[in-house]
Amino acid sequence: MAWMNRRKDRVRVAVLVLLLVAIVGPWTYTSDGTPPAEWCRAPNILLGNGHCVRLMSGVEVLTFMSGAFLSLNVQLVKGTLVLAERAREFFGVYLFMVLLCLLVQPFISTLLVLGRDRPLGGMYQVVTWALAFVLSGLLLLASCFSGLGPKLWGLWLYFGLSVSVLAVELWASRATGRPTRS
């Protein structure tokens, strides 16, 4: 614990760098704009079901969903969005967008605790990393059904990082003998 207290800012910077690497890595795939299966060449990948797909980075996913989230909110405020018969589907997609936006919170919380004197953070840090762990775990579970599990290394790195940082945060709070607060 003492070595971590002396090097906590270095650890936090390393976590931020690993977060950036994870978000740049592939998280999912899309078949939009890909050729038919018989013309599938790198960087596209041929799935077992005969579909040619392109891997999408976490940045692409989060950027697209953030833009869609903002667009839906603007349309709701202006009154130009009318989905009476598809309201249930709309709210499911809306909830998914909000949950994806929560995956950015660990980056923000780590930036906020950079330079602080606490062992590694606080309750906000623990909660954001716990949410990152749960949400990335659910995304990984869903990706296992696609057969692309190992190729989605960005999502795996994000998940591993969330597990590691959450464990260290909980360990640091137990080692100090007090609840984690910033």
N, C-alpha and C. Protein backbone atom coordinates (compact mmCIF):
# COMPACT_ATOMS: atom_id res chain seq x y z
N MET A 1 0.82 -1.20 0.00
CA MET A 1 0.00 0.00 0.00
C MET A 1 0.86 1.25 0.00
N ALA A 2 1.99 1.20 0.72
CA ALA A 2 2.85 2.37 0.81
C ALA A 2 3.46 2.72 -0.54
N TRP A 3 3.84 1.70 -1.32
CA TRP A 3 4.43 1.99 -2.63
C TRP A 3 3.40 2.64 -3.54
N MET A 4 2.12 2.27 -3.39
CA MET A 4 1.08 2.85 -4.22
C MET A 4 0.80 4.30 -3.83
N ASN A 5 0.87 4.59 -2.54
CA ASN A 5 0.67 5.97 -2.09
C ASN A 5 1.76 6.88 -2.64
N ARG A 6 2.99 6.38 -2.72
CA ARG A 6 4.08 7.19 -3.24
C ARG A 6 3.97 7.37 -4.75
N ARG A 7 3.39 6.42 -5.43
CA ARG A 7 3.34 6.45 -6.90
C ARG A 7 1.91 6.55 -7.44
N LYS A 8 1.01 7.07 -6.63
CA LYS A 8 -0.40 7.06 -7.04
C LYS A 8 -0.66 7.85 -8.31
N ASP A 9 0.00 8.96 -8.51
CA ASP A 9 -0.22 9.73 -9.74
C ASP A 9 0.31 9.00 -10.96
N ARG A 10 1.41 8.30 -10.81
CA ARG A 10 1.92 7.49 -11.93
C ARG A 10 0.96 6.36 -12.26
N VAL A 11 0.41 5.74 -11.23
CA VAL A 11 -0.57 4.67 -11.45
C VAL A 11 -1.80 5.23 -12.15
N ARG A 12 -2.26 6.39 -11.73
CA ARG A 12 -3.43 7.00 -12.36
C ARG A 12 -3.18 7.36 -13.82
N VAL A 13 -2.00 7.88 -14.11
CA VAL A 13 -1.66 8.21 -15.51
C VAL A 13 -1.60 6.93 -16.33
N ALA A 14 -1.03 5.87 -15.76
CA ALA A 14 -0.99 4.58 -16.47
C ALA A 14 -2.41 4.06 -16.73
N VAL A 15 -3.29 4.23 -15.76
CA VAL A 15 -4.69 3.82 -15.94
C VAL A 15 -5.34 4.63 -17.05
N LEU A 16 -5.09 5.94 -17.08
CA LEU A 16 -5.65 6.78 -18.14
C LEU A 16 -5.14 6.37 -19.51
N VAL A 17 -3.85 6.06 -19.61
CA VAL A 17 -3.28 5.63 -20.90
C VAL A 17 -3.91 4.31 -21.32
N LEU A 18 -4.03 3.37 -20.39
CA LEU A 18 -4.65 2.08 -20.71
C LEU A 18 -6.13 2.25 -21.09
N LEU A 19 -6.81 3.18 -20.45
CA LEU A 19 -8.20 3.47 -20.83
C LEU A 19 -8.28 3.98 -22.26
N LEU A 20 -7.38 4.87 -22.63
CA LEU A 20 -7.36 5.39 -24.00
C LEU A 20 -7.07 4.28 -25.00
N VAL A 21 -6.12 3.41 -24.68
CA VAL A 21 -5.81 2.28 -25.57
C VAL A 21 -7.03 1.37 -25.69
N ALA A 22 -7.71 1.10 -24.59
CA ALA A 22 -8.88 0.23 -24.62
C ALA A 22 -10.00 0.84 -25.45
N ILE A 23 -10.22 2.14 -25.33
CA ILE A 23 -11.31 2.77 -26.07
C ILE A 23 -10.99 2.87 -27.56
N VAL A 24 -9.72 2.90 -27.91
CA VAL A 24 -9.34 2.93 -29.33
C VAL A 24 -9.46 1.54 -29.96
N GLY A 25 -9.39 0.51 -29.13
CA GLY A 25 -9.47 -0.87 -29.63
C GLY A 25 -10.89 -1.26 -30.02
N PRO A 26 -11.03 -2.41 -30.69
CA PRO A 26 -12.36 -2.86 -31.15
C PRO A 26 -13.27 -3.29 -30.01
N TRP A 27 -14.53 -2.87 -30.10
CA TRP A 27 -15.54 -3.19 -29.09
C TRP A 27 -16.69 -3.99 -29.67
N THR A 28 -16.98 -3.79 -30.92
CA THR A 28 -18.10 -4.49 -31.55
C THR A 28 -17.86 -4.51 -33.06
N TYR A 29 -18.87 -4.88 -33.81
CA TYR A 29 -18.74 -4.91 -35.26
C TYR A 29 -19.99 -4.36 -35.92
N THR A 30 -19.84 -4.01 -37.18
CA THR A 30 -20.96 -3.55 -37.98
C THR A 30 -20.85 -4.15 -39.38
N SER A 31 -21.98 -4.36 -40.00
CA SER A 31 -21.97 -4.84 -41.38
C SER A 31 -22.34 -3.73 -42.36
N ASP A 32 -22.48 -2.51 -41.86
CA ASP A 32 -22.77 -1.37 -42.73
C ASP A 32 -21.56 -1.06 -43.60
N GLY A 33 -21.76 -0.98 -44.88
CA GLY A 33 -20.71 -0.61 -45.81
C GLY A 33 -19.68 -1.70 -46.06
N THR A 34 -19.98 -2.92 -45.72
CA THR A 34 -19.04 -4.01 -45.97
C THR A 34 -19.47 -4.77 -47.22
N PRO A 35 -18.50 -5.38 -47.90
CA PRO A 35 -18.83 -6.10 -49.14
C PRO A 35 -19.50 -7.44 -48.83
N PRO A 36 -20.01 -8.10 -49.86
CA PRO A 36 -20.58 -9.44 -49.66
C PRO A 36 -19.50 -10.41 -49.17
N ALA A 37 -19.94 -11.55 -48.66
CA ALA A 37 -19.02 -12.52 -48.06
C ALA A 37 -17.91 -12.96 -49.01
N GLU A 38 -18.21 -13.11 -50.27
CA GLU A 38 -17.20 -13.60 -51.21
C GLU A 38 -16.10 -12.58 -51.50
N TRP A 39 -16.32 -11.31 -51.20
CA TRP A 39 -15.30 -10.27 -51.41
C TRP A 39 -14.75 -9.73 -50.08
N CYS A 40 -14.95 -10.44 -49.03
CA CYS A 40 -14.54 -9.99 -47.71
C CYS A 40 -13.01 -10.10 -47.57
N ARG A 41 -12.36 -8.97 -47.44
CA ARG A 41 -10.91 -8.89 -47.27
C ARG A 41 -10.60 -8.02 -46.05
N ALA A 42 -9.36 -8.12 -45.57
CA ALA A 42 -8.91 -7.31 -44.44
C ALA A 42 -9.09 -5.84 -44.78
N PRO A 43 -9.49 -5.03 -43.89
CA PRO A 43 -9.64 -5.16 -42.45
C PRO A 43 -10.98 -5.75 -42.03
N ASN A 44 -11.83 -6.13 -42.98
CA ASN A 44 -13.11 -6.75 -42.64
C ASN A 44 -12.89 -8.20 -42.23
N ILE A 45 -13.86 -8.75 -41.51
CA ILE A 45 -13.77 -10.11 -40.99
C ILE A 45 -15.01 -10.87 -41.42
N LEU A 46 -14.82 -12.12 -41.79
CA LEU A 46 -15.93 -12.98 -42.17
C LEU A 46 -16.40 -13.75 -40.94
N LEU A 47 -17.65 -13.56 -40.56
CA LEU A 47 -18.22 -14.28 -39.42
C LEU A 47 -18.57 -15.70 -39.83
N GLY A 48 -18.81 -16.55 -38.85
CA GLY A 48 -19.17 -17.94 -39.11
C GLY A 48 -20.48 -18.09 -39.86
N ASN A 49 -21.36 -17.11 -39.76
CA ASN A 49 -22.65 -17.19 -40.45
C ASN A 49 -22.59 -16.67 -41.88
N GLY A 50 -21.39 -16.34 -42.37
CA GLY A 50 -21.23 -15.90 -43.75
C GLY A 50 -21.41 -14.42 -43.97
N HIS A 51 -21.41 -13.63 -42.94
CA HIS A 51 -21.53 -12.17 -43.06
C HIS A 51 -20.17 -11.52 -42.92
N CYS A 52 -19.90 -10.56 -43.78
CA CYS A 52 -18.68 -9.79 -43.71
C CYS A 52 -18.95 -8.57 -42.81
N VAL A 53 -18.07 -8.36 -41.83
CA VAL A 53 -18.28 -7.27 -40.88
C VAL A 53 -17.00 -6.47 -40.71
N ARG A 54 -17.15 -5.25 -40.19
CA ARG A 54 -16.03 -4.38 -39.87
C ARG A 54 -16.03 -4.15 -38.37
N LEU A 55 -14.85 -4.27 -37.75
CA LEU A 55 -14.74 -4.03 -36.32
C LEU A 55 -14.84 -2.54 -36.05
N MET A 56 -15.53 -2.19 -34.96
CA MET A 56 -15.71 -0.79 -34.57
C MET A 56 -15.03 -0.56 -33.23
N SER A 57 -14.31 0.55 -33.15
CA SER A 57 -13.63 0.88 -31.90
C SER A 57 -14.63 1.44 -30.88
N GLY A 58 -14.20 1.46 -29.63
CA GLY A 58 -15.02 2.04 -28.58
C GLY A 58 -15.30 3.52 -28.82
N VAL A 59 -14.32 4.21 -29.42
CA VAL A 59 -14.51 5.63 -29.74
C VAL A 59 -15.66 5.79 -30.72
N GLU A 60 -15.69 4.95 -31.75
CA GLU A 60 -16.78 5.03 -32.74
C GLU A 60 -18.13 4.76 -32.09
N VAL A 61 -18.19 3.74 -31.26
CA VAL A 61 -19.45 3.37 -30.60
C VAL A 61 -19.92 4.49 -29.69
N LEU A 62 -19.01 4.98 -28.83
CA LEU A 62 -19.39 6.02 -27.88
C LEU A 62 -19.72 7.34 -28.58
N THR A 63 -18.99 7.67 -29.64
CA THR A 63 -19.28 8.89 -30.39
C THR A 63 -20.63 8.81 -31.08
N PHE A 64 -20.90 7.68 -31.72
CA PHE A 64 -22.18 7.51 -32.40
C PHE A 64 -23.33 7.56 -31.41
N MET A 65 -23.19 6.84 -30.29
CA MET A 65 -24.28 6.80 -29.32
C MET A 65 -24.47 8.15 -28.63
N SER A 66 -23.39 8.87 -28.38
CA SER A 66 -23.51 10.20 -27.78
C SER A 66 -24.23 11.15 -28.73
N GLY A 67 -23.87 11.09 -30.00
CA GLY A 67 -24.55 11.92 -31.00
C GLY A 67 -26.02 11.56 -31.13
N ALA A 68 -26.31 10.26 -31.14
CA ALA A 68 -27.70 9.83 -31.23
C ALA A 68 -28.48 10.25 -29.98
N PHE A 69 -27.85 10.16 -28.83
CA PHE A 69 -28.48 10.57 -27.57
C PHE A 69 -28.83 12.06 -27.61
N LEU A 70 -27.87 12.88 -28.03
CA LEU A 70 -28.14 14.32 -28.14
C LEU A 70 -29.23 14.62 -29.16
N SER A 71 -29.18 13.93 -30.30
CA SER A 71 -30.18 14.14 -31.33
C SER A 71 -31.58 13.76 -30.84
N LEU A 72 -31.69 12.63 -30.15
CA LEU A 72 -33.00 12.24 -29.62
C LEU A 72 -33.52 13.24 -28.59
N ASN A 73 -32.63 13.74 -27.75
CA ASN A 73 -33.06 14.73 -26.76
C ASN A 73 -33.54 16.01 -27.42
N VAL A 74 -32.83 16.48 -28.43
CA VAL A 74 -33.23 17.69 -29.15
C VAL A 74 -34.58 17.47 -29.83
N GLN A 75 -34.75 16.30 -30.45
CA GLN A 75 -36.02 16.00 -31.11
C GLN A 75 -37.16 15.90 -30.10
N LEU A 76 -36.89 15.36 -28.92
CA LEU A 76 -37.93 15.28 -27.90
C LEU A 76 -38.34 16.67 -27.41
N VAL A 77 -37.35 17.55 -27.22
CA VAL A 77 -37.64 18.91 -26.76
C VAL A 77 -38.40 19.69 -27.81
N LYS A 78 -38.00 19.57 -29.08
CA LYS A 78 -38.66 20.30 -30.16
C LYS A 78 -40.03 19.72 -30.49
N GLY A 79 -40.26 18.47 -30.12
CA GLY A 79 -41.53 17.83 -30.45
C GLY A 79 -41.57 17.23 -31.84
N THR A 80 -40.42 17.04 -32.46
CA THR A 80 -40.37 16.48 -33.80
C THR A 80 -40.25 14.96 -33.80
N LEU A 81 -40.10 14.36 -32.63
CA LEU A 81 -39.98 12.91 -32.52
C LEU A 81 -41.30 12.34 -32.03
N VAL A 82 -41.94 11.54 -32.88
CA VAL A 82 -43.21 10.93 -32.52
C VAL A 82 -43.09 9.43 -32.76
N LEU A 83 -43.10 8.69 -31.67
CA LEU A 83 -42.96 7.24 -31.75
C LEU A 83 -44.04 6.55 -30.91
N ALA A 84 -45.28 6.86 -31.16
CA ALA A 84 -46.35 6.35 -30.31
C ALA A 84 -46.39 4.82 -30.31
N GLU A 85 -46.30 4.19 -31.47
CA GLU A 85 -46.41 2.73 -31.53
C GLU A 85 -45.09 2.03 -31.21
N ARG A 86 -43.98 2.76 -31.18
CA ARG A 86 -42.68 2.15 -30.90
C ARG A 86 -42.04 2.72 -29.64
N ALA A 87 -42.85 3.20 -28.71
CA ALA A 87 -42.33 3.85 -27.50
C ALA A 87 -41.51 2.89 -26.65
N ARG A 88 -41.94 1.65 -26.54
CA ARG A 88 -41.21 0.68 -25.72
C ARG A 88 -39.81 0.44 -26.29
N GLU A 89 -39.73 0.29 -27.60
CA GLU A 89 -38.43 0.10 -28.25
C GLU A 89 -37.57 1.36 -28.08
N PHE A 90 -38.17 2.52 -28.22
CA PHE A 90 -37.45 3.78 -28.08
C PHE A 90 -36.83 3.91 -26.69
N PHE A 91 -37.59 3.62 -25.65
CA PHE A 91 -37.06 3.76 -24.30
C PHE A 91 -35.99 2.72 -24.00
N GLY A 92 -36.07 1.55 -24.61
CA GLY A 92 -35.00 0.56 -24.47
C GLY A 92 -33.70 1.05 -25.08
N VAL A 93 -33.80 1.61 -26.28
CA VAL A 93 -32.61 2.17 -26.94
C VAL A 93 -32.09 3.37 -26.17
N TYR A 94 -32.98 4.19 -25.68
CA TYR A 94 -32.60 5.38 -24.90
C TYR A 94 -31.84 4.97 -23.63
N LEU A 95 -32.34 3.95 -22.94
CA LEU A 95 -31.67 3.46 -21.73
C LEU A 95 -30.29 2.90 -22.07
N PHE A 96 -30.20 2.18 -23.19
CA PHE A 96 -28.91 1.64 -23.62
C PHE A 96 -27.91 2.76 -23.89
N MET A 97 -28.37 3.84 -24.49
CA MET A 97 -27.48 4.98 -24.76
C MET A 97 -26.99 5.61 -23.46
N VAL A 98 -27.86 5.75 -22.49
CA VAL A 98 -27.46 6.32 -21.20
C VAL A 98 -26.42 5.42 -20.54
N LEU A 99 -26.63 4.11 -20.59
CA LEU A 99 -25.68 3.18 -19.99
C LEU A 99 -24.32 3.23 -20.68
N LEU A 100 -24.32 3.38 -22.00
CA LEU A 100 -23.05 3.49 -22.71
C LEU A 100 -22.31 4.77 -22.34
N CYS A 101 -23.05 5.83 -22.11
CA CYS A 101 -22.40 7.09 -21.69
C CYS A 101 -21.73 6.93 -20.33
N LEU A 102 -22.24 6.02 -19.50
CA LEU A 102 -21.63 5.78 -18.20
C LEU A 102 -20.25 5.12 -18.32
N LEU A 103 -19.95 4.54 -19.48
CA LEU A 103 -18.63 3.93 -19.67
C LEU A 103 -17.52 4.96 -19.78
N VAL A 104 -17.87 6.21 -19.97
CA VAL A 104 -16.87 7.28 -20.04
C VAL A 104 -16.54 7.80 -18.64
N GLN A 105 -17.39 7.54 -17.68
CA GLN A 105 -17.22 8.06 -16.33
C GLN A 105 -15.91 7.66 -15.65
N PRO A 106 -15.39 6.44 -15.82
CA PRO A 106 -14.11 6.12 -15.18
C PRO A 106 -12.96 7.03 -15.64
N PHE A 107 -12.98 7.42 -16.89
CA PHE A 107 -11.96 8.34 -17.39
C PHE A 107 -12.08 9.68 -16.67
N ILE A 108 -13.30 10.17 -16.55
CA ILE A 108 -13.53 11.45 -15.89
C ILE A 108 -13.18 11.37 -14.41
N SER A 109 -13.58 10.29 -13.74
CA SER A 109 -13.29 10.18 -12.31
C SER A 109 -11.80 10.05 -12.05
N THR A 110 -11.08 9.36 -12.92
CA THR A 110 -9.63 9.23 -12.75
C THR A 110 -8.95 10.58 -12.98
N LEU A 111 -9.43 11.35 -13.94
CA LEU A 111 -8.89 12.70 -14.12
C LEU A 111 -9.14 13.58 -12.91
N LEU A 112 -10.32 13.43 -12.30
CA LEU A 112 -10.67 14.25 -11.14
C LEU A 112 -9.82 13.95 -9.91
N VAL A 113 -9.40 12.70 -9.74
CA VAL A 113 -8.61 12.36 -8.55
C VAL A 113 -7.12 12.49 -8.79
N LEU A 114 -6.72 12.82 -9.99
CA LEU A 114 -5.29 12.99 -10.29
C LEU A 114 -4.74 14.16 -9.47
N GLY A 115 -3.68 13.89 -8.71
CA GLY A 115 -3.07 14.93 -7.89
C GLY A 115 -3.64 15.06 -6.49
N ARG A 116 -4.61 14.25 -6.14
CA ARG A 116 -5.18 14.30 -4.78
C ARG A 116 -4.35 13.45 -3.83
N ASP A 117 -4.54 13.67 -2.53
CA ASP A 117 -3.74 12.98 -1.52
C ASP A 117 -4.31 11.65 -1.08
N ARG A 118 -5.55 11.36 -1.40
CA ARG A 118 -6.16 10.10 -0.99
C ARG A 118 -5.43 8.93 -1.64
N PRO A 119 -5.51 7.71 -1.07
CA PRO A 119 -4.78 6.57 -1.62
C PRO A 119 -5.03 6.37 -3.11
N LEU A 120 -6.26 6.30 -3.54
CA LEU A 120 -6.52 6.19 -4.97
C LEU A 120 -7.78 6.91 -5.43
N GLY A 121 -8.58 7.40 -4.58
CA GLY A 121 -9.77 8.07 -5.07
C GLY A 121 -10.79 8.30 -4.00
N GLY A 122 -11.98 7.80 -4.22
CA GLY A 122 -13.06 7.99 -3.28
C GLY A 122 -14.25 7.17 -3.68
N MET A 123 -15.36 7.46 -3.06
CA MET A 123 -16.57 6.70 -3.35
C MET A 123 -17.00 6.87 -4.80
N TYR A 124 -16.85 8.07 -5.34
CA TYR A 124 -17.19 8.31 -6.76
C TYR A 124 -16.33 7.42 -7.65
N GLN A 125 -15.07 7.30 -7.33
CA GLN A 125 -14.15 6.46 -8.11
C GLN A 125 -14.59 4.99 -8.03
N VAL A 126 -14.94 4.52 -6.85
CA VAL A 126 -15.37 3.13 -6.68
C VAL A 126 -16.66 2.86 -7.46
N VAL A 127 -17.60 3.77 -7.36
CA VAL A 127 -18.89 3.57 -8.04
C VAL A 127 -18.72 3.59 -9.56
N THR A 128 -17.93 4.51 -10.09
CA THR A 128 -17.76 4.57 -11.54
C THR A 128 -17.05 3.32 -12.06
N TRP A 129 -16.05 2.84 -11.34
CA TRP A 129 -15.36 1.62 -11.78
C TRP A 129 -16.24 0.39 -11.61
N ALA A 130 -17.10 0.38 -10.59
CA ALA A 130 -18.04 -0.74 -10.43
C ALA A 130 -19.04 -0.76 -11.59
N LEU A 131 -19.54 0.41 -11.97
CA LEU A 131 -20.43 0.49 -13.13
C LEU A 131 -19.72 0.07 -14.41
N ALA A 132 -18.47 0.49 -14.56
CA ALA A 132 -17.69 0.09 -15.74
C ALA A 132 -17.51 -1.42 -15.78
N PHE A 133 -17.26 -2.02 -14.63
CA PHE A 133 -17.11 -3.46 -14.54
C PHE A 133 -18.39 -4.18 -14.98
N VAL A 134 -19.52 -3.75 -14.43
CA VAL A 134 -20.79 -4.41 -14.73
C VAL A 134 -21.17 -4.21 -16.21
N LEU A 135 -21.10 -2.97 -16.69
CA LEU A 135 -21.53 -2.70 -18.06
C LEU A 135 -20.62 -3.35 -19.09
N SER A 136 -19.30 -3.27 -18.89
CA SER A 136 -18.39 -3.91 -19.85
C SER A 136 -18.51 -5.43 -19.77
N GLY A 137 -18.80 -5.96 -18.58
CA GLY A 137 -19.03 -7.40 -18.46
C GLY A 137 -20.26 -7.84 -19.24
N LEU A 138 -21.32 -7.05 -19.18
CA LEU A 138 -22.52 -7.36 -19.96
C LEU A 138 -22.26 -7.28 -21.46
N LEU A 139 -21.49 -6.27 -21.87
CA LEU A 139 -21.14 -6.16 -23.29
C LEU A 139 -20.28 -7.34 -23.74
N LEU A 140 -19.36 -7.78 -22.89
CA LEU A 140 -18.54 -8.95 -23.22
C LEU A 140 -19.38 -10.21 -23.30
N LEU A 141 -20.31 -10.35 -22.39
CA LEU A 141 -21.20 -11.50 -22.41
C LEU A 141 -22.00 -11.54 -23.71
N ALA A 142 -22.48 -10.38 -24.14
CA ALA A 142 -23.21 -10.31 -25.40
C ALA A 142 -22.31 -10.60 -26.59
N SER A 143 -21.04 -10.20 -26.52
CA SER A 143 -20.13 -10.43 -27.65
C SER A 143 -19.72 -11.89 -27.77
N CYS A 144 -19.85 -12.64 -26.69
CA CYS A 144 -19.51 -14.07 -26.76
C CYS A 144 -20.42 -14.82 -27.73
N PHE A 145 -21.64 -14.34 -27.89
CA PHE A 145 -22.57 -14.99 -28.80
C PHE A 145 -22.25 -14.70 -30.26
N SER A 146 -21.45 -13.69 -30.55
CA SER A 146 -21.11 -13.34 -31.93
C SER A 146 -19.94 -14.16 -32.45
N GLY A 147 -19.17 -14.77 -31.58
CA GLY A 147 -18.00 -15.54 -32.00
C GLY A 147 -16.77 -14.69 -32.21
N LEU A 148 -16.84 -13.41 -31.86
CA LEU A 148 -15.70 -12.50 -32.05
C LEU A 148 -15.00 -12.18 -30.73
N GLY A 149 -15.31 -12.89 -29.67
CA GLY A 149 -14.78 -12.59 -28.35
C GLY A 149 -13.33 -12.16 -28.31
N PRO A 150 -12.36 -12.99 -28.75
CA PRO A 150 -10.95 -12.60 -28.64
C PRO A 150 -10.56 -11.42 -29.54
N LYS A 151 -11.26 -11.21 -30.63
CA LYS A 151 -10.91 -10.12 -31.54
C LYS A 151 -11.34 -8.76 -31.01
N LEU A 152 -12.18 -8.75 -30.02
CA LEU A 152 -12.63 -7.49 -29.41
C LEU A 152 -11.72 -7.15 -28.24
N TRP A 153 -10.44 -7.03 -28.51
CA TRP A 153 -9.44 -6.84 -27.46
C TRP A 153 -9.61 -5.52 -26.71
N GLY A 154 -10.16 -4.50 -27.35
CA GLY A 154 -10.38 -3.23 -26.67
C GLY A 154 -11.38 -3.36 -25.54
N LEU A 155 -12.45 -4.09 -25.80
CA LEU A 155 -13.46 -4.32 -24.77
C LEU A 155 -12.91 -5.20 -23.66
N TRP A 156 -12.12 -6.22 -24.02
CA TRP A 156 -11.50 -7.08 -23.02
C TRP A 156 -10.53 -6.27 -22.14
N LEU A 157 -9.75 -5.39 -22.75
CA LEU A 157 -8.82 -4.56 -21.98
C LEU A 157 -9.58 -3.63 -21.04
N TYR A 158 -10.66 -3.04 -21.52
CA TYR A 158 -11.48 -2.17 -20.67
C TYR A 158 -12.04 -2.96 -19.49
N PHE A 159 -12.54 -4.14 -19.75
CA PHE A 159 -13.09 -4.98 -18.69
C PHE A 159 -12.01 -5.36 -17.68
N GLY A 160 -10.86 -5.80 -18.16
CA GLY A 160 -9.76 -6.16 -17.27
C GLY A 160 -9.29 -4.98 -16.44
N LEU A 161 -9.24 -3.83 -17.06
CA LEU A 161 -8.84 -2.62 -16.34
C LEU A 161 -9.86 -2.25 -15.27
N SER A 162 -11.14 -2.39 -15.60
CA SER A 162 -12.17 -2.07 -14.62
C SER A 162 -12.12 -3.04 -13.44
N VAL A 163 -11.88 -4.31 -13.70
CA VAL A 163 -11.76 -5.28 -12.62
C VAL A 163 -10.56 -4.94 -11.74
N SER A 164 -9.43 -4.64 -12.37
CA SER A 164 -8.20 -4.36 -11.63
C SER A 164 -8.31 -3.09 -10.78
N VAL A 165 -8.78 -2.01 -11.39
CA VAL A 165 -8.86 -0.75 -10.65
C VAL A 165 -9.91 -0.84 -9.54
N LEU A 166 -11.01 -1.51 -9.81
CA LEU A 166 -12.03 -1.68 -8.77
C LEU A 166 -11.46 -2.47 -7.59
N ALA A 167 -10.73 -3.53 -7.88
CA ALA A 167 -10.12 -4.33 -6.81
C ALA A 167 -9.13 -3.51 -6.00
N VAL A 168 -8.31 -2.71 -6.69
CA VAL A 168 -7.33 -1.87 -5.98
C VAL A 168 -8.03 -0.80 -5.15
N GLU A 169 -9.08 -0.21 -5.69
CA GLU A 169 -9.83 0.81 -4.94
C GLU A 169 -10.46 0.21 -3.69
N LEU A 170 -11.06 -0.96 -3.82
CA LEU A 170 -11.67 -1.60 -2.65
C LEU A 170 -10.60 -2.02 -1.64
N TRP A 171 -9.48 -2.51 -2.12
CA TRP A 171 -8.38 -2.90 -1.24
C TRP A 171 -7.83 -1.68 -0.52
N ALA A 172 -7.68 -0.57 -1.22
CA ALA A 172 -7.16 0.66 -0.61
C ALA A 172 -8.12 1.17 0.46
N SER A 173 -9.41 1.05 0.22
CA SER A 173 -10.37 1.52 1.23
C SER A 173 -10.34 0.63 2.46
N ARG A 174 -10.11 -0.67 2.29
CA ARG A 174 -10.02 -1.58 3.43
C ARG A 174 -8.71 -1.37 4.18
N ALA A 175 -7.63 -1.11 3.45
CA ALA A 175 -6.32 -0.96 4.09
C ALA A 175 -6.25 0.31 4.94
N THR A 176 -6.97 1.34 4.54
CA THR A 176 -6.96 2.57 5.33
C THR A 176 -7.91 2.49 6.50
N GLY A 177 -8.82 1.50 6.47
CA GLY A 177 -9.74 1.30 7.59
C GLY A 177 -10.87 2.30 7.65
N ARG A 178 -11.10 3.03 6.59
CA ARG A 178 -12.20 4.00 6.58
C ARG A 178 -12.89 3.93 5.23
N PRO A 179 -14.14 4.36 5.18
CA PRO A 179 -14.84 4.35 3.90
C PRO A 179 -14.16 5.32 2.92
N THR A 180 -14.23 4.97 1.64
CA THR A 180 -13.59 5.82 0.63
C THR A 180 -14.45 7.04 0.37
N ARG A 181 -13.84 8.19 0.53
CA ARG A 181 -14.50 9.47 0.22
C ARG A 181 -13.48 10.39 -0.36
N SER A 182 -13.90 11.23 -1.30
CA SER A 182 -12.98 12.21 -1.89
C SER A 182 -13.03 13.51 -1.17
